[in-house]
């Protein structure tokens, strides 16, 4: 388990939800090979969809860029091991 070793880079998410994000990421890394970013992201997205409702987005990788609009209080970007994790809930239009 890599839990507790994550480094938050940017967030507006409540601390309890941040801890859940890092725990989900850590568990996904226990289940999947670090090179299987698609399965890792899908696992985290499903966890957040089920736990917090709505439609969540998750991006996992070692090198990516993005630009998005999110619902206030639902964004976290952190590093865990060699991967970066971006989790957010899209904004309603």
PDB file of N, CA and C in Angstrom:
ATOM      1  N   UNK A   1       0.830  -1.190   0.000  1.00  0.00           N
ATOM      2  CA  UNK A   1       0.000   0.000   0.000  1.00  0.00           C
ATOM      3  C   UNK A   1       0.873   1.251   0.000  1.00  0.00           C
ATOM      4  N   UNK A   2       0.546   2.170  -0.870  1.00  0.00           N
ATOM      5  CA  UNK A   2       1.268   3.435  -0.944  1.00  0.00           C
ATOM      6  C   UNK A   2       0.515   4.550  -0.227  1.00  0.00           C
ATOM      7  N   UNK A   3      -0.600   4.202   0.413  1.00  0.00           N
ATOM      8  CA  UNK A   3      -1.415   5.185   1.103  1.00  0.00           C
ATOM      9  C   UNK A   3      -0.582   6.034   2.057  1.00  0.00           C
ATOM     10  N   UNK A   4      -0.831   7.325   2.064  1.00  0.00           N
ATOM     11  CA  UNK A   4      -0.083   8.216   2.940  1.00  0.00           C
ATOM     12  C   UNK A   4       1.179   8.758   2.310  1.00  0.00           C
ATOM     13  N   UNK A   5       1.554   8.245   1.147  1.00  0.00           N
ATOM     14  CA  UNK A   5       2.765   8.691   0.472  1.00  0.00           C
ATOM     15  C   UNK A   5       2.457   9.572  -0.727  1.00  0.00           C
ATOM     16  N   UNK A   6       1.198   9.937  -0.881  1.00  0.00           N
ATOM     17  CA  UNK A   6       0.791  10.791  -1.993  1.00  0.00           C
ATOM     18  C   UNK A   6       1.159  12.236  -1.696  1.00  0.00           C
ATOM     19  N   UNK A   7       1.427  12.967  -2.766  1.00  0.00           N
ATOM     20  CA  UNK A   7       1.736  14.384  -2.633  1.00  0.00           C
ATOM     21  C   UNK A   7       0.676  15.175  -3.397  1.00  0.00           C
ATOM     22  N   UNK A   8      -0.148  15.914  -2.653  1.00  0.00           N
ATOM     23  CA  UNK A   8      -1.181  16.750  -3.264  1.00  0.00           C
ATOM     24  C   UNK A   8      -0.497  17.911  -3.984  1.00  0.00           C
ATOM     25  N   UNK A   9      -0.855  18.094  -5.243  1.00  0.00           N
ATOM     26  CA  UNK A   9      -0.303  19.205  -6.026  1.00  0.00           C
ATOM     27  C   UNK A   9      -1.279  20.369  -6.087  1.00  0.00           C
ATOM     28  N   UNK A  10      -2.567  20.063  -6.189  1.00  0.00           N
ATOM     29  CA  UNK A  10      -3.591  21.111  -6.261  1.00  0.00           C
ATOM     30  C   UNK A  10      -4.932  20.474  -5.903  1.00  0.00           C
ATOM     31  N   UNK A  11      -5.774  21.195  -5.168  1.00  0.00           N
ATOM     32  CA  UNK A  11      -7.083  20.656  -4.811  1.00  0.00           C
ATOM     33  C   UNK A  11      -8.015  21.744  -4.310  1.00  0.00           C
ATOM     34  N   UNK A  12      -9.299  21.505  -4.450  1.00  0.00           N
ATOM     35  CA  UNK A  12     -10.304  22.290  -3.739  1.00  0.00           C
ATOM     36  C   UNK A  12     -11.293  21.330  -3.069  1.00  0.00           C
ATOM     37  N   UNK A  13     -10.914  20.074  -3.011  1.00  0.00           N
ATOM     38  CA  UNK A  13     -11.729  18.993  -2.486  1.00  0.00           C
ATOM     39  C   UNK A  13     -11.623  18.946  -0.953  1.00  0.00           C
ATOM     40  N   UNK A  14     -12.708  18.626  -0.251  1.00  0.00           N
ATOM     41  CA  UNK A  14     -12.624  18.458   1.199  1.00  0.00           C
ATOM     42  C   UNK A  14     -11.610  17.368   1.572  1.00  0.00           C
ATOM     43  N   UNK A  15     -10.987  17.527   2.729  1.00  0.00           N
ATOM     44  CA  UNK A  15      -9.919  16.623   3.140  1.00  0.00           C
ATOM     45  C   UNK A  15     -10.359  15.161   3.195  1.00  0.00           C
ATOM     46  N   UNK A  16     -11.553  14.897   3.670  1.00  0.00           N
ATOM     47  CA  UNK A  16     -12.036  13.513   3.739  1.00  0.00           C
ATOM     48  C   UNK A  16     -12.110  12.883   2.347  1.00  0.00           C
ATOM     49  N   UNK A  17     -12.572  13.653   1.388  1.00  0.00           N
ATOM     50  CA  UNK A  17     -12.670  13.170   0.009  1.00  0.00           C
ATOM     51  C   UNK A  17     -11.277  12.996  -0.599  1.00  0.00           C
ATOM     52  N   UNK A  18     -10.341  13.880  -0.235  1.00  0.00           N
ATOM     53  CA  UNK A  18      -8.954  13.734  -0.695  1.00  0.00           C
ATOM     54  C   UNK A  18      -8.376  12.406  -0.203  1.00  0.00           C
ATOM     55  N   UNK A  19      -8.610  12.109   1.066  1.00  0.00           N
ATOM     56  CA  UNK A  19      -8.106  10.835   1.626  1.00  0.00           C
ATOM     57  C   UNK A  19      -8.700   9.645   0.890  1.00  0.00           C
ATOM     58  N   UNK A  20      -9.989   9.741   0.531  1.00  0.00           N
ATOM     59  CA  UNK A  20     -10.633   8.665  -0.230  1.00  0.00           C
ATOM     60  C   UNK A  20     -10.001   8.536  -1.614  1.00  0.00           C
ATOM     61  N   UNK A  21      -9.686   9.653  -2.246  1.00  0.00           N
ATOM     62  CA  UNK A  21      -9.051   9.626  -3.565  1.00  0.00           C
ATOM     63  C   UNK A  21      -7.702   8.922  -3.498  1.00  0.00           C
ATOM     64  N   UNK A  22      -6.916   9.265  -2.495  1.00  0.00           N
ATOM     65  CA  UNK A  22      -5.597   8.651  -2.359  1.00  0.00           C
ATOM     66  C   UNK A  22      -5.704   7.175  -1.993  1.00  0.00           C
ATOM     67  N   UNK A  23      -6.680   6.823  -1.150  1.00  0.00           N
ATOM     68  CA  UNK A  23      -6.887   5.417  -0.794  1.00  0.00           C
ATOM     69  C   UNK A  23      -7.327   4.610  -2.013  1.00  0.00           C
ATOM     70  N   UNK A  24      -8.224   5.178  -2.828  1.00  0.00           N
ATOM     71  CA  UNK A  24      -8.669   4.498  -4.051  1.00  0.00           C
ATOM     72  C   UNK A  24      -7.510   4.305  -5.020  1.00  0.00           C
ATOM     73  N   UNK A  25      -6.681   5.328  -5.155  1.00  0.00           N
ATOM     74  CA  UNK A  25      -5.517   5.227  -6.050  1.00  0.00           C
ATOM     75  C   UNK A  25      -4.550   4.162  -5.549  1.00  0.00           C
ATOM     76  N   UNK A  26      -4.305   4.150  -4.260  1.00  0.00           N
ATOM     77  CA  UNK A  26      -3.400   3.163  -3.677  1.00  0.00           C
ATOM     78  C   UNK A  26      -3.928   1.745  -3.882  1.00  0.00           C
ATOM     79  N   UNK A  27      -5.234   1.571  -3.663  1.00  0.00           N
ATOM     80  CA  UNK A  27      -5.829   0.243  -3.849  1.00  0.00           C
ATOM     81  C   UNK A  27      -5.777  -0.178  -5.318  1.00  0.00           C
ATOM     82  N   UNK A  28      -6.035   0.759  -6.225  1.00  0.00           N
ATOM     83  CA  UNK A  28      -5.958   0.450  -7.660  1.00  0.00           C
ATOM     84  C   UNK A  28      -4.551   0.005  -8.043  1.00  0.00           C
ATOM     85  N   UNK A  29      -3.537   0.631  -7.446  1.00  0.00           N
ATOM     86  CA  UNK A  29      -2.149   0.240  -7.733  1.00  0.00           C
ATOM     87  C   UNK A  29      -1.814  -1.133  -7.168  1.00  0.00           C
ATOM     88  N   UNK A  30      -2.523  -1.545  -6.121  1.00  0.00           N
ATOM     89  CA  UNK A  30      -2.366  -2.907  -5.608  1.00  0.00           C
ATOM     90  C   UNK A  30      -2.991  -3.927  -6.548  1.00  0.00           C
ATOM     91  N   UNK A  31      -4.069  -3.519  -7.242  1.00  0.00           N
ATOM     92  CA  UNK A  31      -4.806  -4.430  -8.118  1.00  0.00           C
ATOM     93  C   UNK A  31      -4.244  -4.528  -9.530  1.00  0.00           C
ATOM     94  N   UNK A  32      -3.695  -3.426 -10.033  1.00  0.00           N
ATOM     95  CA  UNK A  32      -3.268  -3.354 -11.430  1.00  0.00           C
ATOM     96  C   UNK A  32      -1.800  -2.991 -11.544  1.00  0.00           C
ATOM     97  N   UNK A  33      -1.199  -3.392 -12.637  1.00  0.00           N
ATOM     98  CA  UNK A  33       0.180  -3.022 -12.930  1.00  0.00           C
ATOM     99  C   UNK A  33       0.251  -1.515 -13.144  1.00  0.00           C
ATOM    100  N   UNK A  34       1.332  -0.903 -12.706  1.00  0.00           N
ATOM    101  CA  UNK A  34       1.491   0.553 -12.806  1.00  0.00           C
ATOM    102  C   UNK A  34       1.403   1.041 -14.257  1.00  0.00           C
ATOM    103  N   UNK A  35       1.667   0.186 -15.223  1.00  0.00           N
ATOM    104  CA  UNK A  35       1.597   0.578 -16.631  1.00  0.00           C
ATOM    105  C   UNK A  35       0.172   0.543 -17.184  1.00  0.00           C
ATOM    106  N   UNK A  36      -0.771  -0.017 -16.424  1.00  0.00           N
ATOM    107  CA  UNK A  36      -2.164  -0.139 -16.872  1.00  0.00           C
ATOM    108  C   UNK A  36      -2.991   1.057 -16.378  1.00  0.00           C
ATOM    109  N   UNK A  37      -2.654   2.231 -16.867  1.00  0.00           N
ATOM    110  CA  UNK A  37      -3.291   3.476 -16.409  1.00  0.00           C
ATOM    111  C   UNK A  37      -4.788   3.509 -16.700  1.00  0.00           C
ATOM    112  N   UNK A  38      -5.217   2.877 -17.778  1.00  0.00           N
ATOM    113  CA  UNK A  38      -6.644   2.875 -18.121  1.00  0.00           C
ATOM    114  C   UNK A  38      -7.444   2.115 -17.064  1.00  0.00           C
ATOM    115  N   UNK A  39      -6.982   0.939 -16.654  1.00  0.00           N
ATOM    116  CA  UNK A  39      -7.691   0.172 -15.621  1.00  0.00           C
ATOM    117  C   UNK A  39      -7.655   0.880 -14.276  1.00  0.00           C
ATOM    118  N   UNK A  40      -6.538   1.504 -13.962  1.00  0.00           N
ATOM    119  CA  UNK A  40      -6.406   2.251 -12.704  1.00  0.00           C
ATOM    120  C   UNK A  40      -7.406   3.405 -12.688  1.00  0.00           C
ATOM    121  N   UNK A  41      -7.461   4.178 -13.763  1.00  0.00           N
ATOM    122  CA  UNK A  41      -8.391   5.308 -13.853  1.00  0.00           C
ATOM    123  C   UNK A  41      -9.843   4.832 -13.804  1.00  0.00           C
ATOM    124  N   UNK A  42     -10.153   3.748 -14.514  1.00  0.00           N
ATOM    125  CA  UNK A  42     -11.521   3.219 -14.526  1.00  0.00           C
ATOM    126  C   UNK A  42     -11.947   2.775 -13.125  1.00  0.00           C
ATOM    127  N   UNK A  43     -11.028   2.145 -12.391  1.00  0.00           N
ATOM    128  CA  UNK A  43     -11.321   1.694 -11.030  1.00  0.00           C
ATOM    129  C   UNK A  43     -11.658   2.893 -10.131  1.00  0.00           C
ATOM    130  N   UNK A  44     -10.827   3.938 -10.185  1.00  0.00           N
ATOM    131  CA  UNK A  44     -11.034   5.117  -9.341  1.00  0.00           C
ATOM    132  C   UNK A  44     -12.334   5.823  -9.719  1.00  0.00           C
ATOM    133  N   UNK A  45     -12.579   5.983 -11.020  1.00  0.00           N
ATOM    134  CA  UNK A  45     -13.812   6.623 -11.484  1.00  0.00           C
ATOM    135  C   UNK A  45     -15.028   5.882 -10.958  1.00  0.00           C
ATOM    136  N   UNK A  46     -15.034   4.564 -11.070  1.00  0.00           N
ATOM    137  CA  UNK A  46     -16.170   3.758 -10.599  1.00  0.00           C
ATOM    138  C   UNK A  46     -16.363   3.927  -9.092  1.00  0.00           C
ATOM    139  N   UNK A  47     -15.267   3.925  -8.334  1.00  0.00           N
ATOM    140  CA  UNK A  47     -15.344   4.124  -6.882  1.00  0.00           C
ATOM    141  C   UNK A  47     -16.014   5.462  -6.558  1.00  0.00           C
ATOM    142  N   UNK A  48     -15.606   6.531  -7.244  1.00  0.00           N
ATOM    143  CA  UNK A  48     -16.159   7.854  -6.967  1.00  0.00           C
ATOM    144  C   UNK A  48     -17.599   7.983  -7.455  1.00  0.00           C
ATOM    145  N   UNK A  49     -17.923   7.397  -8.609  1.00  0.00           N
ATOM    146  CA  UNK A  49     -19.310   7.401  -9.092  1.00  0.00           C
ATOM    147  C   UNK A  49     -20.228   6.744  -8.062  1.00  0.00           C
ATOM    148  N   UNK A  50     -19.796   5.604  -7.521  1.00  0.00           N
ATOM    149  CA  UNK A  50     -20.615   4.863  -6.563  1.00  0.00           C
ATOM    150  C   UNK A  50     -20.679   5.559  -5.204  1.00  0.00           C
ATOM    151  N   UNK A  51     -19.568   6.082  -4.744  1.00  0.00           N
ATOM    152  CA  UNK A  51     -19.500   6.674  -3.404  1.00  0.00           C
ATOM    153  C   UNK A  51     -20.134   8.065  -3.341  1.00  0.00           C
ATOM    154  N   UNK A  52     -19.909   8.890  -4.369  1.00  0.00           N
ATOM    155  CA  UNK A  52     -20.331  10.285  -4.316  1.00  0.00           C
ATOM    156  C   UNK A  52     -21.407  10.652  -5.336  1.00  0.00           C
ATOM    157  N   UNK A  53     -21.811   9.706  -6.173  1.00  0.00           N
ATOM    158  CA  UNK A  53     -22.851   9.970  -7.159  1.00  0.00           C
ATOM    159  C   UNK A  53     -22.374  10.870  -8.282  1.00  0.00           C
ATOM    160  N   UNK A  54     -23.155  10.882  -9.328  1.00  0.00           N
ATOM    161  CA  UNK A  54     -22.811  11.727 -10.464  1.00  0.00           C
ATOM    162  C   UNK A  54     -21.808  11.080 -11.381  1.00  0.00           C
ATOM    163  N   UNK A  55     -21.264  11.894 -12.237  1.00  0.00           N
ATOM    164  CA  UNK A  55     -20.310  11.403 -13.228  1.00  0.00           C
ATOM    165  C   UNK A  55     -18.944  12.028 -12.955  1.00  0.00           C
ATOM    166  N   UNK A  56     -18.027  11.223 -12.480  1.00  0.00           N
ATOM    167  CA  UNK A  56     -16.668  11.663 -12.171  1.00  0.00           C
ATOM    168  C   UNK A  56     -15.737  11.353 -13.334  1.00  0.00           C
ATOM    169  N   UNK A  57     -14.637  12.067 -13.399  1.00  0.00           N
ATOM    170  CA  UNK A  57     -13.610  11.848 -14.406  1.00  0.00           C
ATOM    171  C   UNK A  57     -12.302  11.564 -13.685  1.00  0.00           C
ATOM    172  N   UNK A  58     -11.476  10.716 -14.281  1.00  0.00           N
ATOM    173  CA  UNK A  58     -10.184  10.392 -13.690  1.00  0.00           C
ATOM    174  C   UNK A  58      -9.158  10.239 -14.807  1.00  0.00           C
ATOM    175  N   UNK A  59      -8.033  10.916 -14.638  1.00  0.00           N
ATOM    176  CA  UNK A  59      -6.920  10.827 -15.578  1.00  0.00           C
ATOM    177  C   UNK A  59      -5.716  10.350 -14.782  1.00  0.00           C
ATOM    178  N   UNK A  60      -5.028   9.333 -15.295  1.00  0.00           N
ATOM    179  CA  UNK A  60      -3.863   8.774 -14.620  1.00  0.00           C
ATOM    180  C   UNK A  60      -2.733   8.644 -15.632  1.00  0.00           C
ATOM    181  N   UNK A  61      -1.551   9.088 -15.246  1.00  0.00           N
ATOM    182  CA  UNK A  61      -0.396   8.939 -16.124  1.00  0.00           C
ATOM    183  C   UNK A  61       0.813   9.649 -15.559  1.00  0.00           C
ATOM    184  N   UNK A  62       1.926   9.489 -16.231  1.00  0.00           N
ATOM    185  CA  UNK A  62       3.151  10.124 -15.760  1.00  0.00           C
ATOM    186  C   UNK A  62       3.405  11.465 -16.453  1.00  0.00           C
ATOM    187  N   UNK A  63       2.728  11.706 -17.567  1.00  0.00           N
ATOM    188  CA  UNK A  63       2.952  12.949 -18.299  1.00  0.00           C
ATOM    189  C   UNK A  63       1.701  13.276 -19.107  1.00  0.00           C
ATOM    190  N   UNK A  64       0.941  14.250 -18.651  1.00  0.00           N
ATOM    191  CA  UNK A  64      -0.239  14.673 -19.399  1.00  0.00           C
ATOM    192  C   UNK A  64      -0.559  16.127 -19.068  1.00  0.00           C
ATOM    193  N   UNK A  65      -1.320  16.732 -19.927  1.00  0.00           N
ATOM    194  CA  UNK A  65      -1.813  18.082 -19.700  1.00  0.00           C
ATOM    195  C   UNK A  65      -3.304  18.082 -19.952  1.00  0.00           C
ATOM    196  N   UNK A  66      -4.008  19.006 -19.321  1.00  0.00           N
ATOM    197  CA  UNK A  66      -5.437  19.082 -19.567  1.00  0.00           C
ATOM    198  C   UNK A  66      -5.968  20.450 -19.157  1.00  0.00           C
ATOM    199  N   UNK A  67      -7.149  20.735 -19.607  1.00  0.00           N
ATOM    200  CA  UNK A  67      -7.850  21.956 -19.263  1.00  0.00           C
ATOM    201  C   UNK A  67      -9.317  21.572 -19.150  1.00  0.00           C
ATOM    202  N   UNK A  68      -9.970  21.898 -18.035  1.00  0.00           N
ATOM    203  CA  UNK A  68     -11.330  21.434 -17.811  1.00  0.00           C
ATOM    204  C   UNK A  68     -12.059  22.381 -16.863  1.00  0.00           C
ATOM    205  N   UNK A  69     -13.369  22.216 -16.810  1.00  0.00           N
ATOM    206  CA  UNK A  69     -14.208  22.924 -15.862  1.00  0.00           C
ATOM    207  C   UNK A  69     -14.791  21.885 -14.921  1.00  0.00           C
ATOM    208  N   UNK A  70     -14.757  22.180 -13.624  1.00  0.00           N
ATOM    209  CA  UNK A  70     -15.236  21.204 -12.647  1.00  0.00           C
ATOM    210  C   UNK A  70     -16.213  21.835 -11.665  1.00  0.00           C
ATOM    211  N   UNK A  71     -16.970  20.986 -10.997  1.00  0.00           N
ATOM    212  CA  UNK A  71     -17.860  21.414  -9.936  1.00  0.00           C
ATOM    213  C   UNK A  71     -17.018  21.788  -8.728  1.00  0.00           C
ATOM    214  N   UNK A  72     -17.300  22.942  -8.142  1.00  0.00           N
ATOM    215  CA  UNK A  72     -16.530  23.421  -6.992  1.00  0.00           C
ATOM    216  C   UNK A  72     -16.501  22.363  -5.888  1.00  0.00           C
ATOM    217  N   UNK A  73     -15.299  22.137  -5.345  1.00  0.00           N
ATOM    218  CA  UNK A  73     -15.122  21.196  -4.242  1.00  0.00           C
ATOM    219  C   UNK A  73     -14.937  19.752  -4.663  1.00  0.00           C
ATOM    220  N   UNK A  74     -14.671  19.518  -5.957  1.00  0.00           N
ATOM    221  CA  UNK A  74     -14.566  18.133  -6.438  1.00  0.00           C
ATOM    222  C   UNK A  74     -13.282  17.852  -7.214  1.00  0.00           C
ATOM    223  N   UNK A  75     -12.274  18.663  -7.041  1.00  0.00           N
ATOM    224  CA  UNK A  75     -11.057  18.535  -7.841  1.00  0.00           C
ATOM    225  C   UNK A  75      -9.853  18.200  -6.961  1.00  0.00           C
ATOM    226  N   UNK A  76      -9.094  17.192  -7.379  1.00  0.00           N
ATOM    227  CA  UNK A  76      -7.827  16.898  -6.717  1.00  0.00           C
ATOM    228  C   UNK A  76      -6.823  16.428  -7.768  1.00  0.00           C
ATOM    229  N   UNK A  77      -5.599  16.879  -7.624  1.00  0.00           N
ATOM    230  CA  UNK A  77      -4.483  16.484  -8.487  1.00  0.00           C
ATOM    231  C   UNK A  77      -3.334  16.130  -7.557  1.00  0.00           C
ATOM    232  N   UNK A  78      -2.879  14.877  -7.630  1.00  0.00           N
ATOM    233  CA  UNK A  78      -1.821  14.431  -6.736  1.00  0.00           C
ATOM    234  C   UNK A  78      -0.914  13.412  -7.417  1.00  0.00           C
ATOM    235  N   UNK A  79       0.255  13.237  -6.833  1.00  0.00           N
ATOM    236  CA  UNK A  79       1.220  12.247  -7.314  1.00  0.00           C
ATOM    237  C   UNK A  79       1.294  11.120  -6.298  1.00  0.00           C
ATOM    238  N   UNK A  80       1.421   9.922  -6.806  1.00  0.00           N
ATOM    239  CA  UNK A  80       1.580   8.733  -5.969  1.00  0.00           C
ATOM    240  C   UNK A  80       2.519   7.795  -6.709  1.00  0.00           C
ATOM    241  N   UNK A  81       3.660   7.557  -6.132  1.00  0.00           N
ATOM    242  CA  UNK A  81       4.669   6.776  -6.840  1.00  0.00           C
ATOM    243  C   UNK A  81       5.108   7.540  -8.078  1.00  0.00           C
ATOM    244  N   UNK A  82       5.126   6.869  -9.205  1.00  0.00           N
ATOM    245  CA  UNK A  82       5.566   7.495 -10.455  1.00  0.00           C
ATOM    246  C   UNK A  82       4.413   8.084 -11.265  1.00  0.00           C
ATOM    247  N   UNK A  83       3.192   7.981 -10.737  1.00  0.00           N
ATOM    248  CA  UNK A  83       2.015   8.424 -11.485  1.00  0.00           C
ATOM    249  C   UNK A  83       1.391   9.680 -10.898  1.00  0.00           C
ATOM    250  N   UNK A  84       0.728  10.428 -11.766  1.00  0.00           N
ATOM    251  CA  UNK A  84      -0.076  11.573 -11.370  1.00  0.00           C
ATOM    252  C   UNK A  84      -1.545  11.200 -11.543  1.00  0.00           C
ATOM    253  N   UNK A  85      -2.372  11.701 -10.637  1.00  0.00           N
ATOM    254  CA  UNK A  85      -3.794  11.398 -10.634  1.00  0.00           C
ATOM    255  C   UNK A  85      -4.587  12.699 -10.641  1.00  0.00           C
ATOM    256  N   UNK A  86      -5.519  12.803 -11.557  1.00  0.00           N
ATOM    257  CA  UNK A  86      -6.423  13.937 -11.646  1.00  0.00           C
ATOM    258  C   UNK A  86      -7.837  13.387 -11.542  1.00  0.00           C
ATOM    259  N   UNK A  87      -8.570  13.799 -10.513  1.00  0.00           N
ATOM    260  CA  UNK A  87      -9.929  13.331 -10.293  1.00  0.00           C
ATOM    261  C   UNK A  87     -10.803  14.565 -10.123  1.00  0.00           C
ATOM    262  N   UNK A  88     -11.924  14.592 -10.845  1.00  0.00           N
ATOM    263  CA  UNK A  88     -12.835  15.722 -10.724  1.00  0.00           C
ATOM    264  C   UNK A  88     -14.220  15.346 -11.223  1.00  0.00           C
ATOM    265  N   UNK A  89     -15.184  16.116 -10.778  1.00  0.00           N
ATOM    266  CA  UNK A  89     -16.562  15.957 -11.253  1.00  0.00           C
ATOM    267  C   UNK A  89     -16.826  17.130 -12.185  1.00  0.00           C
ATOM    268  N   UNK A  90     -17.278  16.831 -13.385  1.00  0.00           N
ATOM    269  CA  UNK A  90     -17.516  17.875 -14.370  1.00  0.00           C
ATOM    270  C   UNK A  90     -18.581  18.861 -13.926  1.00  0.00           C
ATOM    271  N   UNK A  91     -18.469  20.075 -14.403  1.00  0.00           N
ATOM    272  CA  UNK A  91     -19.441  21.124 -14.060  1.00  0.00           C
ATOM    273  C   UNK A  91     -20.716  20.942 -14.880  1.00  0.00           C
ATOM    274  N   UNK A  92     -21.840  21.229 -14.264  1.00  0.00           N
ATOM    275  CA  UNK A  92     -23.128  21.199 -14.976  1.00  0.00           C
ATOM    276  C   UNK A  92     -23.225  22.438 -15.846  1.00  0.00           C
ATOM    277  N   UNK A  93     -23.831  22.259 -17.001  1.00  0.00           N
ATOM    278  CA  UNK A  93     -23.973  23.423 -17.885  1.00  0.00           C
ATOM    279  C   UNK A  93     -25.326  24.055 -17.725  1.00  0.00           C
TER     280      UNK A  93
END
